């Protein structure tokens, strides 16, 4: 986390007239951060960066991706009381939000592994300003971050196709760059076949039900094109139905719900009564 990012987050949270934190005694204290529910842990790097900024001595025995149980102590802290209080909400927000994302991701990865080796990936449906942190939480949960931004790969979506057509869009992408992979979003078997013949690297089957995905993959196999493309399923996929998509034979299952439907994990900071 960059210093400029930390200071932006601090400015948002502390404001210009912080009385509640500065009215406490100016002394060194001990505290702990602990989990109040089972979860997959994420956000340690962000928490450590914030603690370092406030000169808080923080120790942990955990790594991102570890499984926590209710009551597990994530951090032990030693620092000035004002610094601990000023860092508290910011750290808990990152740990709670990112651990929630890692937890739902781990659940989905475990469900998929019962049937296939397909990657579970997130999308660009992220919170503005903290995308990189949310995507790294997906990684902590065993998932794939997909593209971090538009520059990572060429994505040809439905609106591109409406304006340009599949053939023209793929040709334009190939002319623009020889280093970036080309992914195209299609909603029918015929368009998937056309995209594969045109040399797309990744074909996203968007909002296609599992039966339709199986038919499309079989068609690509029949045409000798299945091994030349990565097949991604996306659209309307959630933990409750992900198993059906895992059975289809796709290479990637991408889910916006890993982030926008993740529940926050409940964590708390508690100051030692001996202070």
Foldseek 3Di string as FASTA:
>chain_A
DDPVLLVVVLCVPCPDDRDPLVVDDFDKFKKWKFFQAKFQWAQPVVLVVLCVVLVKDKDAPDDQLDIHGGGDTGIIIIDTSSSCVSSFVVSLVLGQQLRLLLGQLLLLCVLLVVAADAAEEEDCLADPPCLVRNLVSSVSSVHHDPDSDCVQAPEAEPVNCVVQNLLRVLVVRVVVDPPHAYEYEDAALVVVLVNLVSQHAEYEHEPHDLVRLLVSLVVCVVVVRNVRHQYEYEYPDGSVCSNSNSNSPHRYYYYNCSRPVGGTGDMHMDIDPVD
